[in-house]
């Protein structure tokens, strides 16, 4: 899977949000805000193919957590991206 084309992370008013690039008149009915970990993952994965295992490995590399917690967090993060329509298989 990978992030859909055209979505970018921008900092607006101190918050990191996902926006669609190049659209005239923004659809602001739904804003996807990212926490620090999500920004880290997004920036490292932008333009690349990835799966939950890749995300898990990145979490293990960055944080002092066990593999089970990293698996659960990675699966949850990918699921939320899918729910928000930000990734494609």
PDB file of N, CA and C in Angstrom:
ATOM      1  N   UNK A   1       0.842  -1.168   0.000  1.00  0.00           N
ATOM      2  CA  UNK A   1       0.000   0.000   0.000  1.00  0.00           C
ATOM      3  C   UNK A   1       0.887   1.232   0.000  1.00  0.00           C
ATOM      4  N   UNK A   2       0.278   2.357  -0.311  1.00  0.00           N
ATOM      5  CA  UNK A   2       0.995   3.635  -0.285  1.00  0.00           C
ATOM      6  C   UNK A   2      -0.007   4.757  -0.084  1.00  0.00           C
ATOM      7  N   UNK A   3       0.495   5.934   0.281  1.00  0.00           N
ATOM      8  CA  UNK A   3      -0.394   7.082   0.437  1.00  0.00           C
ATOM      9  C   UNK A   3      -0.929   7.478  -0.927  1.00  0.00           C
ATOM     10  N   UNK A   4      -2.178   7.875  -0.988  1.00  0.00           N
ATOM     11  CA  UNK A   4      -2.759   8.323  -2.245  1.00  0.00           C
ATOM     12  C   UNK A   4      -2.046   9.578  -2.731  1.00  0.00           C
ATOM     13  N   UNK A   5      -1.950   9.702  -4.042  1.00  0.00           N
ATOM     14  CA  UNK A   5      -1.317  10.868  -4.657  1.00  0.00           C
ATOM     15  C   UNK A   5      -2.042  12.143  -4.261  1.00  0.00           C
ATOM     16  N   UNK A   6      -1.283  13.188  -4.073  1.00  0.00           N
ATOM     17  CA  UNK A   6      -1.868  14.500  -3.832  1.00  0.00           C
ATOM     18  C   UNK A   6      -2.024  14.881  -2.375  1.00  0.00           C
ATOM     19  N   UNK A   7      -1.960  13.927  -1.464  1.00  0.00           N
ATOM     20  CA  UNK A   7      -2.072  14.257  -0.051  1.00  0.00           C
ATOM     21  C   UNK A   7      -0.714  14.651   0.506  1.00  0.00           C
ATOM     22  N   UNK A   8      -0.683  15.743   1.250  1.00  0.00           N
ATOM     23  CA  UNK A   8       0.547  16.244   1.847  1.00  0.00           C
ATOM     24  C   UNK A   8       0.273  16.618   3.299  1.00  0.00           C
ATOM     25  N   UNK A   9       1.313  16.541   4.114  1.00  0.00           N
ATOM     26  CA  UNK A   9       1.221  16.997   5.500  1.00  0.00           C
ATOM     27  C   UNK A   9       1.703  18.442   5.544  1.00  0.00           C
ATOM     28  N   UNK A  10       0.911  19.281   6.163  1.00  0.00           N
ATOM     29  CA  UNK A  10       1.266  20.690   6.338  1.00  0.00           C
ATOM     30  C   UNK A  10       1.057  21.073   7.791  1.00  0.00           C
ATOM     31  N   UNK A  11       1.850  22.031   8.248  1.00  0.00           N
ATOM     32  CA  UNK A  11       1.655  22.555   9.594  1.00  0.00           C
ATOM     33  C   UNK A  11       0.799  23.802   9.485  1.00  0.00           C
ATOM     34  N   UNK A  12      -0.334  23.779  10.164  1.00  0.00           N
ATOM     35  CA  UNK A  12      -1.262  24.896  10.162  1.00  0.00           C
ATOM     36  C   UNK A  12      -1.615  25.202  11.607  1.00  0.00           C
ATOM     37  N   UNK A  13      -1.336  26.420  12.023  1.00  0.00           N
ATOM     38  CA  UNK A  13      -1.647  26.872  13.385  1.00  0.00           C
ATOM     39  C   UNK A  13      -1.072  25.919  14.438  1.00  0.00           C
ATOM     40  N   UNK A  14       0.146  25.442  14.198  1.00  0.00           N
ATOM     41  CA  UNK A  14       0.819  24.586  15.160  1.00  0.00           C
ATOM     42  C   UNK A  14       0.406  23.129  15.134  1.00  0.00           C
ATOM     43  N   UNK A  15      -0.498  22.759  14.248  1.00  0.00           N
ATOM     44  CA  UNK A  15      -0.951  21.375  14.115  1.00  0.00           C
ATOM     45  C   UNK A  15      -0.512  20.825  12.764  1.00  0.00           C
ATOM     46  N   UNK A  16      -0.143  19.558  12.727  1.00  0.00           N
ATOM     47  CA  UNK A  16       0.157  18.886  11.464  1.00  0.00           C
ATOM     48  C   UNK A  16      -1.130  18.261  10.947  1.00  0.00           C
ATOM     49  N   UNK A  17      -1.504  18.615   9.727  1.00  0.00           N
ATOM     50  CA  UNK A  17      -2.727  18.102   9.127  1.00  0.00           C
ATOM     51  C   UNK A  17      -2.444  17.601   7.722  1.00  0.00           C
ATOM     52  N   UNK A  18      -3.273  16.681   7.279  1.00  0.00           N
ATOM     53  CA  UNK A  18      -3.186  16.153   5.918  1.00  0.00           C
ATOM     54  C   UNK A  18      -4.130  16.956   5.052  1.00  0.00           C
ATOM     55  N   UNK A  19      -3.608  17.446   3.922  1.00  0.00           N
ATOM     56  CA  UNK A  19      -4.430  18.207   2.986  1.00  0.00           C
ATOM     57  C   UNK A  19      -4.235  17.649   1.581  1.00  0.00           C
ATOM     58  N   UNK A  20      -5.197  17.927   0.712  1.00  0.00           N
ATOM     59  CA  UNK A  20      -5.108  17.549  -0.687  1.00  0.00           C
ATOM     60  C   UNK A  20      -4.492  18.713  -1.440  1.00  0.00           C
ATOM     61  N   UNK A  21      -3.382  18.467  -2.122  1.00  0.00           N
ATOM     62  CA  UNK A  21      -2.688  19.496  -2.878  1.00  0.00           C
ATOM     63  C   UNK A  21      -3.412  19.792  -4.189  1.00  0.00           C
ATOM     64  N   UNK A  22      -3.353  21.035  -4.603  1.00  0.00           N
ATOM     65  CA  UNK A  22      -3.776  21.414  -5.936  1.00  0.00           C
ATOM     66  C   UNK A  22      -5.263  21.543  -6.163  1.00  0.00           C
ATOM     67  N   UNK A  23      -6.070  21.511  -5.120  1.00  0.00           N
ATOM     68  CA  UNK A  23      -7.509  21.661  -5.307  1.00  0.00           C
ATOM     69  C   UNK A  23      -7.890  23.115  -5.093  1.00  0.00           C
ATOM     70  N   UNK A  24      -8.743  23.617  -5.948  1.00  0.00           N
ATOM     71  CA  UNK A  24      -9.263  24.955  -5.766  1.00  0.00           C
ATOM     72  C   UNK A  24     -10.399  24.873  -4.770  1.00  0.00           C
ATOM     73  N   UNK A  25     -10.335  25.666  -3.743  1.00  0.00           N
ATOM     74  CA  UNK A  25     -11.364  25.614  -2.720  1.00  0.00           C
ATOM     75  C   UNK A  25     -11.232  24.344  -1.909  1.00  0.00           C
ATOM     76  N   UNK A  26     -10.730  24.449  -0.729  1.00  0.00           N
ATOM     77  CA  UNK A  26     -10.493  23.265   0.098  1.00  0.00           C
ATOM     78  C   UNK A  26     -11.788  22.728   0.681  1.00  0.00           C
ATOM     79  N   UNK A  27     -11.887  21.438   0.732  1.00  0.00           N
ATOM     80  CA  UNK A  27     -12.985  20.784   1.430  1.00  0.00           C
ATOM     81  C   UNK A  27     -12.550  20.641   2.876  1.00  0.00           C
ATOM     82  N   UNK A  28     -13.057  21.489   3.729  1.00  0.00           N
ATOM     83  CA  UNK A  28     -12.635  21.485   5.128  1.00  0.00           C
ATOM     84  C   UNK A  28     -13.653  20.826   6.034  1.00  0.00           C
ATOM     85  N   UNK A  29     -14.519  20.024   5.458  1.00  0.00           N
ATOM     86  CA  UNK A  29     -15.484  19.329   6.303  1.00  0.00           C
ATOM     87  C   UNK A  29     -14.808  18.237   7.112  1.00  0.00           C
ATOM     88  N   UNK A  30     -13.645  17.817   6.690  1.00  0.00           N
ATOM     89  CA  UNK A  30     -12.911  16.794   7.408  1.00  0.00           C
ATOM     90  C   UNK A  30     -11.420  17.113   7.347  1.00  0.00           C
ATOM     91  N   UNK A  31     -10.839  17.278   8.507  1.00  0.00           N
ATOM     92  CA  UNK A  31      -9.408  17.542   8.615  1.00  0.00           C
ATOM     93  C   UNK A  31      -8.795  16.384   9.373  1.00  0.00           C
ATOM     94  N   UNK A  32      -7.710  15.849   8.862  1.00  0.00           N
ATOM     95  CA  UNK A  32      -7.018  14.753   9.522  1.00  0.00           C
ATOM     96  C   UNK A  32      -5.771  15.323  10.187  1.00  0.00           C
ATOM     97  N   UNK A  33      -5.792  15.375  11.511  1.00  0.00           N
ATOM     98  CA  UNK A  33      -4.647  15.871  12.272  1.00  0.00           C
ATOM     99  C   UNK A  33      -3.730  14.708  12.617  1.00  0.00           C
ATOM    100  N   UNK A  34      -2.445  14.960  12.618  1.00  0.00           N
ATOM    101  CA  UNK A  34      -1.450  13.923  12.900  1.00  0.00           C
ATOM    102  C   UNK A  34      -0.688  14.269  14.172  1.00  0.00           C
ATOM    103  N   UNK A  35      -0.443  13.264  14.985  1.00  0.00           N
ATOM    104  CA  UNK A  35       0.415  13.472  16.144  1.00  0.00           C
ATOM    105  C   UNK A  35       1.872  13.324  15.706  1.00  0.00           C
ATOM    106  N   UNK A  36       2.795  13.495  16.641  1.00  0.00           N
ATOM    107  CA  UNK A  36       4.219  13.465  16.332  1.00  0.00           C
ATOM    108  C   UNK A  36       4.647  12.150  15.683  1.00  0.00           C
ATOM    109  N   UNK A  37       4.154  11.039  16.192  1.00  0.00           N
ATOM    110  CA  UNK A  37       4.513   9.736  15.627  1.00  0.00           C
ATOM    111  C   UNK A  37       3.974   9.584  14.213  1.00  0.00           C
ATOM    112  N   UNK A  38       2.745  10.017  13.982  1.00  0.00           N
ATOM    113  CA  UNK A  38       2.161   9.923  12.641  1.00  0.00           C
ATOM    114  C   UNK A  38       2.919  10.777  11.638  1.00  0.00           C
ATOM    115  N   UNK A  39       3.358  11.955  12.059  1.00  0.00           N
ATOM    116  CA  UNK A  39       4.150  12.813  11.172  1.00  0.00           C
ATOM    117  C   UNK A  39       5.466  12.116  10.820  1.00  0.00           C
ATOM    118  N   UNK A  40       6.111  11.543  11.824  1.00  0.00           N
ATOM    119  CA  UNK A  40       7.363  10.807  11.604  1.00  0.00           C
ATOM    120  C   UNK A  40       7.159   9.681  10.580  1.00  0.00           C
ATOM    121  N   UNK A  41       6.118   8.879  10.788  1.00  0.00           N
ATOM    122  CA  UNK A  41       5.840   7.769   9.874  1.00  0.00           C
ATOM    123  C   UNK A  41       5.509   8.279   8.481  1.00  0.00           C
ATOM    124  N   UNK A  42       4.646   9.285   8.388  1.00  0.00           N
ATOM    125  CA  UNK A  42       4.233   9.831   7.090  1.00  0.00           C
ATOM    126  C   UNK A  42       5.449  10.319   6.312  1.00  0.00           C
ATOM    127  N   UNK A  43       6.306  11.099   6.976  1.00  0.00           N
ATOM    128  CA  UNK A  43       7.461  11.664   6.284  1.00  0.00           C
ATOM    129  C   UNK A  43       8.418  10.578   5.792  1.00  0.00           C
ATOM    130  N   UNK A  44       8.587   9.523   6.551  1.00  0.00           N
ATOM    131  CA  UNK A  44       9.493   8.444   6.154  1.00  0.00           C
ATOM    132  C   UNK A  44       8.882   7.536   5.083  1.00  0.00           C
ATOM    133  N   UNK A  45       7.554   7.444   5.035  1.00  0.00           N
ATOM    134  CA  UNK A  45       6.900   6.518   4.114  1.00  0.00           C
ATOM    135  C   UNK A  45       6.364   7.181   2.848  1.00  0.00           C
ATOM    136  N   UNK A  46       6.352   8.500   2.798  1.00  0.00           N
ATOM    137  CA  UNK A  46       5.801   9.216   1.643  1.00  0.00           C
ATOM    138  C   UNK A  46       6.490   8.760   0.360  1.00  0.00           C
ATOM    139  N   UNK A  47       5.684   8.388  -0.629  1.00  0.00           N
ATOM    140  CA  UNK A  47       6.198   7.963  -1.925  1.00  0.00           C
ATOM    141  C   UNK A  47       6.689   6.532  -1.974  1.00  0.00           C
ATOM    142  N   UNK A  48       6.530   5.788  -0.880  1.00  0.00           N
ATOM    143  CA  UNK A  48       7.018   4.415  -0.818  1.00  0.00           C
ATOM    144  C   UNK A  48       5.869   3.444  -0.591  1.00  0.00           C
ATOM    145  N   UNK A  49       6.083   2.212  -0.993  1.00  0.00           N
ATOM    146  CA  UNK A  49       5.157   1.141  -0.646  1.00  0.00           C
ATOM    147  C   UNK A  49       5.484   0.669   0.762  1.00  0.00           C
ATOM    148  N   UNK A  50       4.446   0.356   1.530  1.00  0.00           N
ATOM    149  CA  UNK A  50       4.664  -0.116   2.895  1.00  0.00           C
ATOM    150  C   UNK A  50       3.499  -0.997   3.322  1.00  0.00           C
ATOM    151  N   UNK A  51       3.694  -1.683   4.416  1.00  0.00           N
ATOM    152  CA  UNK A  51       2.625  -2.451   5.045  1.00  0.00           C
ATOM    153  C   UNK A  51       2.777  -2.301   6.553  1.00  0.00           C
ATOM    154  N   UNK A  52       1.895  -2.943   7.301  1.00  0.00           N
ATOM    155  CA  UNK A  52       1.919  -2.803   8.758  1.00  0.00           C
ATOM    156  C   UNK A  52       3.234  -3.307   9.344  1.00  0.00           C
ATOM    157  N   UNK A  53       3.873  -4.296   8.728  1.00  0.00           N
ATOM    158  CA  UNK A  53       5.150  -4.805   9.229  1.00  0.00           C
ATOM    159  C   UNK A  53       6.253  -3.754   9.119  1.00  0.00           C
ATOM    160  N   UNK A  54       6.241  -2.997   8.044  1.00  0.00           N
ATOM    161  CA  UNK A  54       7.216  -1.914   7.883  1.00  0.00           C
ATOM    162  C   UNK A  54       6.993  -0.856   8.957  1.00  0.00           C
ATOM    163  N   UNK A  55       5.737  -0.500   9.178  1.00  0.00           N
ATOM    164  CA  UNK A  55       5.400   0.486  10.215  1.00  0.00           C
ATOM    165  C   UNK A  55       5.835  -0.033  11.582  1.00  0.00           C
ATOM    166  N   UNK A  56       5.553  -1.301  11.859  1.00  0.00           N
ATOM    167  CA  UNK A  56       5.967  -1.912  13.125  1.00  0.00           C
ATOM    168  C   UNK A  56       7.470  -1.781  13.330  1.00  0.00           C
ATOM    169  N   UNK A  57       8.238  -2.109  12.299  1.00  0.00           N
ATOM    170  CA  UNK A  57       9.693  -2.038  12.408  1.00  0.00           C
ATOM    171  C   UNK A  57      10.167  -0.610  12.670  1.00  0.00           C
ATOM    172  N   UNK A  58       9.518   0.362  12.051  1.00  0.00           N
ATOM    173  CA  UNK A  58       9.874   1.757  12.288  1.00  0.00           C
ATOM    174  C   UNK A  58       9.566   2.163  13.728  1.00  0.00           C
ATOM    175  N   UNK A  59       8.450   1.690  14.253  1.00  0.00           N
ATOM    176  CA  UNK A  59       8.097   1.995  15.640  1.00  0.00           C
ATOM    177  C   UNK A  59       9.098   1.365  16.604  1.00  0.00           C
ATOM    178  N   UNK A  60       9.492   0.134  16.335  1.00  0.00           N
ATOM    179  CA  UNK A  60      10.474  -0.540  17.189  1.00  0.00           C
ATOM    180  C   UNK A  60      11.834   0.160  17.152  1.00  0.00           C
ATOM    181  N   UNK A  61      12.173   0.672  15.986  1.00  0.00           N
ATOM    182  CA  UNK A  61      13.440   1.370  15.807  1.00  0.00           C
ATOM    183  C   UNK A  61      13.475   2.691  16.587  1.00  0.00           C
ATOM    184  N   UNK A  62      12.330   3.353  16.666  1.00  0.00           N
ATOM    185  CA  UNK A  62      12.273   4.696  17.265  1.00  0.00           C
ATOM    186  C   UNK A  62      11.905   4.691  18.746  1.00  0.00           C
ATOM    187  N   UNK A  63      11.079   3.753  19.169  1.00  0.00           N
ATOM    188  CA  UNK A  63      10.546   3.764  20.526  1.00  0.00           C
ATOM    189  C   UNK A  63      10.937   2.508  21.294  1.00  0.00           C
ATOM    190  N   UNK A  64      10.987   2.643  22.597  1.00  0.00           N
ATOM    191  CA  UNK A  64      11.300   1.515  23.477  1.00  0.00           C
ATOM    192  C   UNK A  64       9.992   0.807  23.845  1.00  0.00           C
ATOM    193  N   UNK A  65       9.493   0.001  22.893  1.00  0.00           N
ATOM    194  CA  UNK A  65       8.257  -0.752  23.106  1.00  0.00           C
ATOM    195  C   UNK A  65       8.490  -2.188  22.665  1.00  0.00           C
ATOM    196  N   UNK A  66       7.639  -3.087  23.158  1.00  0.00           N
ATOM    197  CA  UNK A  66       7.809  -4.483  22.754  1.00  0.00           C
ATOM    198  C   UNK A  66       7.140  -4.713  21.401  1.00  0.00           C
ATOM    199  N   UNK A  67       7.481  -5.842  20.802  1.00  0.00           N
ATOM    200  CA  UNK A  67       6.997  -6.138  19.453  1.00  0.00           C
ATOM    201  C   UNK A  67       5.477  -6.268  19.386  1.00  0.00           C
ATOM    202  N   UNK A  68       4.856  -6.839  20.419  1.00  0.00           N
ATOM    203  CA  UNK A  68       3.402  -6.989  20.428  1.00  0.00           C
ATOM    204  C   UNK A  68       2.715  -5.617  20.385  1.00  0.00           C
ATOM    205  N   UNK A  69       3.196  -4.673  21.202  1.00  0.00           N
ATOM    206  CA  UNK A  69       2.615  -3.324  21.211  1.00  0.00           C
ATOM    207  C   UNK A  69       2.844  -2.641  19.865  1.00  0.00           C
ATOM    208  N   UNK A  70       4.038  -2.807  19.300  1.00  0.00           N
ATOM    209  CA  UNK A  70       4.340  -2.213  17.997  1.00  0.00           C
ATOM    210  C   UNK A  70       3.436  -2.788  16.908  1.00  0.00           C
ATOM    211  N   UNK A  71       3.184  -4.102  16.945  1.00  0.00           N
ATOM    212  CA  UNK A  71       2.263  -4.724  15.987  1.00  0.00           C
ATOM    213  C   UNK A  71       0.864  -4.125  16.090  1.00  0.00           C
ATOM    214  N   UNK A  72       0.374  -4.012  17.313  1.00  0.00           N
ATOM    215  CA  UNK A  72      -0.980  -3.465  17.525  1.00  0.00           C
ATOM    216  C   UNK A  72      -1.060  -2.006  17.081  1.00  0.00           C
ATOM    217  N   UNK A  73      -0.053  -1.219  17.440  1.00  0.00           N
ATOM    218  CA  UNK A  73      -0.056   0.198  17.060  1.00  0.00           C
ATOM    219  C   UNK A  73       0.038   0.374  15.548  1.00  0.00           C
ATOM    220  N   UNK A  74       0.880  -0.425  14.901  1.00  0.00           N
ATOM    221  CA  UNK A  74       1.025  -0.336  13.449  1.00  0.00           C
ATOM    222  C   UNK A  74      -0.281  -0.706  12.744  1.00  0.00           C
ATOM    223  N   UNK A  75      -0.909  -1.780  13.177  1.00  0.00           N
ATOM    224  CA  UNK A  75      -2.176  -2.204  12.572  1.00  0.00           C
ATOM    225  C   UNK A  75      -3.256  -1.140  12.773  1.00  0.00           C
ATOM    226  N   UNK A  76      -3.291  -0.549  13.948  1.00  0.00           N
ATOM    227  CA  UNK A  76      -4.284   0.494  14.248  1.00  0.00           C
ATOM    228  C   UNK A  76      -4.040   1.725  13.371  1.00  0.00           C
ATOM    229  N   UNK A  77      -2.773   2.114  13.199  1.00  0.00           N
ATOM    230  CA  UNK A  77      -2.438   3.290  12.396  1.00  0.00           C
ATOM    231  C   UNK A  77      -2.825   3.071  10.931  1.00  0.00           C
ATOM    232  N   UNK A  78      -2.488   1.914  10.392  1.00  0.00           N
ATOM    233  CA  UNK A  78      -2.839   1.602   9.000  1.00  0.00           C
ATOM    234  C   UNK A  78      -4.353   1.565   8.839  1.00  0.00           C
ATOM    235  N   UNK A  79      -5.057   1.008   9.796  1.00  0.00           N
ATOM    236  CA  UNK A  79      -6.521   0.949   9.747  1.00  0.00           C
ATOM    237  C   UNK A  79      -7.132   2.351   9.730  1.00  0.00           C
ATOM    238  N   UNK A  80      -6.596   3.242  10.545  1.00  0.00           N
ATOM    239  CA  UNK A  80      -7.114   4.618  10.576  1.00  0.00           C
ATOM    240  C   UNK A  80      -6.848   5.339   9.262  1.00  0.00           C
ATOM    241  N   UNK A  81      -5.668   5.120   8.693  1.00  0.00           N
ATOM    242  CA  UNK A  81      -5.371   5.717   7.379  1.00  0.00           C
ATOM    243  C   UNK A  81      -6.362   5.221   6.339  1.00  0.00           C
ATOM    244  N   UNK A  82      -6.630   3.930   6.364  1.00  0.00           N
ATOM    245  CA  UNK A  82      -7.582   3.344   5.418  1.00  0.00           C
ATOM    246  C   UNK A  82      -8.979   3.927   5.630  1.00  0.00           C
ATOM    247  N   UNK A  83      -9.415   4.041   6.893  1.00  0.00           N
ATOM    248  CA  UNK A  83     -10.723   4.614   7.203  1.00  0.00           C
ATOM    249  C   UNK A  83     -10.853   6.055   6.695  1.00  0.00           C
ATOM    250  N   UNK A  84      -9.760   6.788   6.734  1.00  0.00           N
ATOM    251  CA  UNK A  84      -9.759   8.185   6.281  1.00  0.00           C
ATOM    252  C   UNK A  84      -9.563   8.308   4.767  1.00  0.00           C
ATOM    253  N   UNK A  85      -9.363   7.197   4.091  1.00  0.00           N
ATOM    254  CA  UNK A  85      -9.192   7.224   2.633  1.00  0.00           C
ATOM    255  C   UNK A  85      -7.870   7.784   2.178  1.00  0.00           C
ATOM    256  N   UNK A  86      -6.824   7.648   3.001  1.00  0.00           N
ATOM    257  CA  UNK A  86      -5.532   8.244   2.671  1.00  0.00           C
ATOM    258  C   UNK A  86      -4.551   7.280   2.016  1.00  0.00           C
ATOM    259  N   UNK A  87      -4.879   5.988   2.003  1.00  0.00           N
ATOM    260  CA  UNK A  87      -3.969   5.013   1.392  1.00  0.00           C
ATOM    261  C   UNK A  87      -4.694   4.198   0.339  1.00  0.00           C
ATOM    262  N   UNK A  88      -3.902   3.624  -0.548  1.00  0.00           N
ATOM    263  CA  UNK A  88      -4.424   2.721  -1.570  1.00  0.00           C
ATOM    264  C   UNK A  88      -3.548   1.485  -1.603  1.00  0.00           C
ATOM    265  N   UNK A  89      -4.154   0.365  -1.937  1.00  0.00           N
ATOM    266  CA  UNK A  89      -3.402  -0.898  -1.979  1.00  0.00           C
ATOM    267  C   UNK A  89      -2.733  -1.093  -3.312  1.00  0.00           C
TER     268      UNK A  89
END
